[in-house]
Amino acid sequence: MDQHFLVDLRVVDRMVEAAEVGGEDVVVDVGAGRGVIAERLAQKARMVYVVESDASLRPHLEALKARHGNVRIFIGNFITLKLPWYNKVVANPPFSILEPLIQRHLRNPVKMSLLTPLRFAQRLTENRDSLLKLKTSLSYDLTVVDVFDGDVFEPPYPGKAALVLFEPAEKSPADRLMLEFLSQRRSKARNAIRNIFWKTRSKREATKLVELSTLDENLLNKPVKRLLYSEAKAVHEFIRKTLDEKASDTNV
């Protein structure tokens, strides 16, 4: 298991405060463990969904539910679970699911207050060529709220942890199309680009648009999931310029 249970209540309070949890919120605690974060959430939110993959921890969560009538328990893998509607995530998730957890929320972002390894937070927030950073920036504005030593966890984490606030960002039309493009992970890039333009152009026009583009042929033949950061940036820029040109033609 890669889960490090949070035991410092000051960190819990910081997480809940950063997410501005209030009486109208439905909040998910991913990797709820023994329910330390969920306990605080239940005191403030309208409803708390506690998600835990380790069924042996269920007694702790059932005790939490007995104390608070606004708690629902879900045992299973968060990435594959289907949950009712929620509008916030406040969690110390298993670090191995951080990337799929974020990707799950890119199309429909919700406010998230997450504990992550500091190195992971730096991948998302610093000036580094990271495909995950590009994807995340299409949907979120990120802030590293605080940094903690590894002894706030049990067992202690061998490094520093960061509290990262994910605020849903205003998406441009190019950003929305880019998210659609990236969601077609198994498709060749040329097909994925063509597909996103079919909504506003004929299939013939969309195909011609891609084939006459200056995008590298090697890029176009790659599956979307295999693209490098620089290649994904090139696709995003191509989408933006194509939309701008269409807007200019319409205004003439």
Protein backbone atom coordinates (compact mmCIF):
# COMPACT_ATOMS: atom_id res chain seq x y z
CA MET A 1 0.00 0.00 0.00
CA ASP A 2 1.32 3.48 -0.82
CA GLN A 3 -1.07 5.28 1.51
CA HIS A 4 0.35 7.35 4.35
CA PHE A 5 -2.37 8.13 6.88
CA LEU A 6 -2.60 11.76 7.92
CA VAL A 7 -2.41 12.12 11.72
CA ASP A 8 -1.76 15.85 12.22
CA LEU A 9 -5.09 17.60 12.83
CA ARG A 10 -3.57 21.00 12.10
CA VAL A 11 -2.96 19.84 8.53
CA VAL A 12 -6.53 18.53 8.33
CA ASP A 13 -7.87 21.92 9.36
CA ARG A 14 -5.64 23.64 6.79
CA MET A 15 -6.98 21.39 4.04
CA VAL A 16 -10.62 21.99 4.93
CA GLU A 17 -10.03 25.72 5.27
CA ALA A 18 -8.29 25.92 1.86
CA ALA A 19 -11.30 24.27 0.19
CA GLU A 20 -13.69 26.68 1.95
CA VAL A 21 -16.02 23.83 2.87
CA GLY A 22 -19.48 25.02 3.90
CA GLY A 23 -22.98 23.82 4.58
CA GLU A 24 -24.00 23.56 0.91
CA ASP A 25 -21.06 21.41 -0.17
CA VAL A 26 -20.99 17.72 -1.05
CA VAL A 27 -17.40 16.64 -0.50
CA VAL A 28 -15.44 13.50 -1.38
CA ASP A 29 -12.60 12.20 0.80
CA VAL A 30 -10.56 9.87 -1.43
CA GLY A 31 -8.49 7.32 0.48
CA ALA A 32 -10.35 8.14 3.67
CA GLY A 33 -8.35 5.68 5.78
CA ARG A 34 -9.54 5.89 9.38
CA GLY A 35 -11.66 8.96 8.67
CA VAL A 36 -9.53 11.77 10.12
CA ILE A 37 -10.26 14.21 7.29
CA ALA A 38 -13.86 13.02 6.88
CA GLU A 39 -14.51 13.71 10.57
CA ARG A 40 -13.76 17.40 10.05
CA LEU A 41 -15.65 17.51 6.76
CA ALA A 42 -18.75 16.00 8.35
CA GLN A 43 -18.81 18.89 10.83
CA LYS A 44 -18.99 21.45 8.04
CA ALA A 45 -20.39 19.97 4.80
CA ARG A 46 -23.91 19.01 3.80
CA MET A 47 -22.75 15.53 2.75
CA VAL A 48 -19.44 13.63 2.80
CA TYR A 49 -18.64 10.63 0.60
CA VAL A 50 -15.81 8.61 2.11
CA VAL A 51 -14.02 6.41 -0.41
CA GLU A 52 -11.60 3.72 0.73
CA SER A 53 -10.23 0.76 -1.21
CA ASP A 54 -9.10 -1.18 1.89
CA ALA A 55 -12.17 -2.99 3.23
CA SER A 56 -10.38 -3.71 6.53
CA LEU A 57 -10.76 -0.02 7.41
CA ARG A 58 -14.54 -0.14 7.10
CA PRO A 59 -15.14 -0.43 10.90
CA HIS A 60 -13.44 2.95 11.41
CA LEU A 61 -15.66 4.49 8.74
CA GLU A 62 -18.82 2.86 10.09
CA ALA A 63 -18.02 4.39 13.49
CA LEU A 64 -17.65 7.76 11.76
CA LYS A 65 -21.00 7.29 10.02
CA ALA A 66 -22.65 6.43 13.35
CA ARG A 67 -21.46 9.78 14.74
CA HIS A 68 -22.53 11.80 11.69
CA GLY A 69 -25.69 11.34 9.68
CA ASN A 70 -24.25 13.08 6.63
CA VAL A 71 -21.62 10.43 5.78
CA ARG A 72 -21.87 7.79 3.07
CA ILE A 73 -19.29 5.03 2.69
CA PHE A 74 -17.95 3.69 -0.62
CA ILE A 75 -15.52 0.77 -0.53
CA GLY A 76 -13.61 0.42 -3.77
CA ASN A 77 -11.23 2.06 -6.22
CA PHE A 78 -12.14 5.73 -6.64
CA ILE A 79 -11.00 5.73 -10.26
CA THR A 80 -13.61 3.14 -11.25
CA LEU A 81 -16.39 3.95 -8.77
CA LYS A 82 -19.49 5.81 -9.92
CA LEU A 83 -20.38 8.35 -7.24
CA PRO A 84 -23.37 10.65 -6.89
CA TRP A 85 -22.88 14.34 -7.67
CA TYR A 86 -20.31 16.24 -5.60
CA ASN A 87 -18.70 19.65 -5.89
CA LYS A 88 -15.46 19.36 -3.88
CA VAL A 89 -12.67 16.92 -3.07
CA VAL A 90 -10.65 17.21 0.12
CA ALA A 91 -8.31 14.28 0.47
CA ASN A 92 -4.99 12.66 1.23
CA PRO A 93 -5.28 10.05 -1.52
CA PRO A 94 -2.93 7.15 -2.16
CA PHE A 95 -0.13 8.82 -4.05
CA SER A 96 -0.26 6.21 -6.83
CA ILE A 97 -3.70 7.43 -7.95
CA LEU A 98 -2.98 11.16 -7.93
CA GLU A 99 -2.57 11.42 -11.70
CA PRO A 100 -5.73 9.45 -12.64
CA LEU A 101 -7.64 11.29 -9.88
CA ILE A 102 -6.74 14.63 -11.47
CA GLN A 103 -7.45 13.39 -15.00
CA ARG A 104 -10.88 12.16 -13.91
CA HIS A 105 -11.81 15.77 -13.11
CA LEU A 106 -10.37 17.58 -16.13
CA ARG A 107 -13.55 17.56 -18.23
CA ASN A 108 -15.77 18.59 -15.31
CA PRO A 109 -13.48 20.22 -12.74
CA VAL A 110 -14.41 20.61 -9.09
CA LYS A 111 -12.52 22.45 -6.38
CA MET A 112 -9.92 20.14 -4.81
CA SER A 113 -7.67 20.40 -1.76
CA LEU A 114 -5.16 17.56 -2.03
CA LEU A 115 -2.07 16.40 -0.17
CA THR A 116 0.63 15.29 -2.61
CA PRO A 117 4.36 14.61 -2.50
CA LEU A 118 6.16 17.93 -2.91
CA ARG A 119 7.92 16.65 -6.04
CA PHE A 120 4.55 15.88 -7.62
CA ALA A 121 3.27 19.36 -6.78
CA GLN A 122 6.36 20.85 -8.39
CA ARG A 123 5.66 18.90 -11.60
CA LEU A 124 2.33 20.71 -11.79
CA THR A 125 3.28 24.21 -10.68
CA GLU A 126 6.89 24.93 -11.66
CA ASN A 127 8.37 25.75 -15.05
CA ARG A 128 8.85 22.17 -16.18
CA ASP A 129 7.90 20.36 -19.37
CA SER A 130 5.23 18.06 -18.01
CA LEU A 131 2.33 16.71 -20.05
CA LEU A 132 0.29 16.35 -16.85
CA LYS A 133 0.96 20.01 -16.08
CA LEU A 134 -0.35 20.99 -19.54
CA LYS A 135 -3.49 18.88 -19.09
CA THR A 136 -4.14 20.22 -15.60
CA SER A 137 -3.63 23.85 -16.65
CA LEU A 138 -6.47 23.51 -19.16
CA SER A 139 -8.95 23.06 -16.31
CA TYR A 140 -7.36 24.37 -13.12
CA ASP A 141 -5.46 27.21 -11.51
CA LEU A 142 -3.08 25.69 -8.95
CA THR A 143 -1.65 27.02 -5.69
CA VAL A 144 0.74 25.31 -3.31
CA VAL A 145 -0.88 26.41 -0.05
CA ASP A 146 1.63 24.86 2.35
CA VAL A 147 4.47 22.35 2.65
CA PHE A 148 4.77 19.81 5.48
CA ASP A 149 7.37 17.41 6.79
CA GLY A 150 6.73 13.70 6.29
CA ASP A 151 6.05 13.11 9.99
CA VAL A 152 2.50 14.44 9.63
CA PHE A 153 1.75 10.94 8.29
CA GLU A 154 1.73 7.46 9.77
CA PRO A 155 3.83 5.76 8.62
CA PRO A 156 6.02 8.84 8.04
CA TYR A 157 6.52 9.82 4.41
CA PRO A 158 10.22 9.91 3.39
CA GLY A 159 10.07 13.39 1.97
CA LYS A 160 8.00 16.55 2.11
CA ALA A 161 4.32 16.83 1.27
CA ALA A 162 2.44 19.74 -0.27
CA LEU A 163 -1.11 20.95 0.14
CA VAL A 164 -2.23 21.87 -3.36
CA LEU A 165 -5.42 23.80 -4.08
CA PHE A 166 -7.04 23.11 -7.47
CA GLU A 167 -9.39 25.95 -8.45
CA PRO A 168 -11.52 25.35 -11.57
CA ALA A 169 -10.39 27.74 -14.29
CA GLU A 170 -12.32 29.46 -17.06
CA LYS A 171 -11.74 27.39 -20.20
CA SER A 172 -11.36 28.95 -23.64
CA PRO A 173 -12.90 27.24 -26.69
CA ALA A 174 -9.39 26.04 -27.62
CA ASP A 175 -8.91 24.61 -24.13
CA ARG A 176 -12.19 22.70 -24.33
CA LEU A 177 -11.28 21.21 -27.72
CA MET A 178 -7.84 20.31 -26.45
CA LEU A 179 -9.39 18.40 -23.55
CA GLU A 180 -11.56 16.52 -26.05
CA PHE A 181 -8.46 15.77 -28.10
CA LEU A 182 -6.55 14.46 -25.05
CA SER A 183 -9.47 12.26 -24.02
CA GLN A 184 -9.03 10.22 -27.23
CA ARG A 185 -6.00 8.51 -25.75
CA ARG A 186 -5.86 5.48 -28.06
CA SER A 187 -6.56 7.33 -31.31
CA LYS A 188 -3.86 8.56 -33.63
CA ALA A 189 -3.34 12.28 -33.20
CA ARG A 190 -4.47 13.03 -36.79
CA ASN A 191 -7.76 11.23 -36.21
CA ALA A 192 -8.31 12.86 -32.83
CA ILE A 193 -7.74 16.35 -34.26
CA ARG A 194 -10.08 15.62 -37.15
CA ASN A 195 -12.73 14.35 -34.76
CA ILE A 196 -12.81 17.50 -32.61
CA PHE A 197 -13.40 19.68 -35.68
CA TRP A 198 -16.26 17.57 -37.03
CA LYS A 199 -18.67 19.44 -34.79
CA THR A 200 -18.17 22.68 -36.71
CA ARG A 201 -16.96 21.49 -40.12
CA SER A 202 -17.73 18.73 -42.57
CA LYS A 203 -15.65 15.57 -42.40
CA ARG A 204 -13.98 16.52 -45.67
CA GLU A 205 -13.07 20.00 -44.40
CA ALA A 206 -11.77 18.64 -41.11
CA THR A 207 -9.62 16.05 -42.87
CA LYS A 208 -8.20 18.66 -45.23
CA LEU A 209 -7.49 20.98 -42.32
CA VAL A 210 -5.32 18.35 -40.64
CA GLU A 211 -3.53 17.14 -43.76
CA LEU A 212 -2.59 20.69 -44.82
CA SER A 213 -1.39 21.66 -41.35
CA THR A 214 2.27 22.21 -40.49
CA LEU A 215 2.11 19.59 -37.73
CA ASP A 216 4.87 17.00 -37.97
CA GLU A 217 3.91 13.73 -39.65
CA ASN A 218 5.45 11.70 -36.83
CA LEU A 219 3.28 13.58 -34.35
CA LEU A 220 0.13 12.97 -36.39
CA ASN A 221 0.81 9.23 -36.53
CA LYS A 222 1.33 8.83 -32.77
CA PRO A 223 -1.41 7.70 -30.39
CA VAL A 224 -2.52 10.68 -28.32
CA LYS A 225 -1.37 9.00 -25.10
CA ARG A 226 2.20 8.78 -26.49
CA LEU A 227 2.61 12.47 -27.31
CA LEU A 228 5.47 14.40 -25.76
CA TYR A 229 4.87 17.68 -23.95
CA SER A 230 6.22 19.71 -26.89
CA GLU A 231 3.97 17.83 -29.33
CA ALA A 232 0.86 18.36 -27.21
CA LYS A 233 1.73 22.07 -26.99
CA ALA A 234 1.98 22.18 -30.79
CA VAL A 235 -1.49 20.62 -31.14
CA HIS A 236 -2.96 23.09 -28.64
CA GLU A 237 -1.46 26.01 -30.57
CA PHE A 238 -2.77 24.59 -33.86
CA ILE A 239 -6.29 24.35 -32.39
CA ARG A 240 -6.11 27.91 -31.06
CA LYS A 241 -4.91 29.36 -34.39
CA THR A 242 -7.53 27.40 -36.34
CA LEU A 243 -10.32 28.77 -34.14
CA ASP A 244 -8.92 32.30 -34.40
CA GLU A 245 -8.81 32.05 -38.22
CA LYS A 246 -12.37 30.78 -38.36
CA ALA A 247 -13.50 33.64 -36.12
CA SER A 248 -11.72 36.16 -38.38
CA ASP A 249 -13.35 34.70 -41.50
CA THR A 250 -16.77 34.93 -39.85
CA ASN A 251 -16.24 38.60 -38.93
CA VAL A 252 -15.14 39.64 -42.42
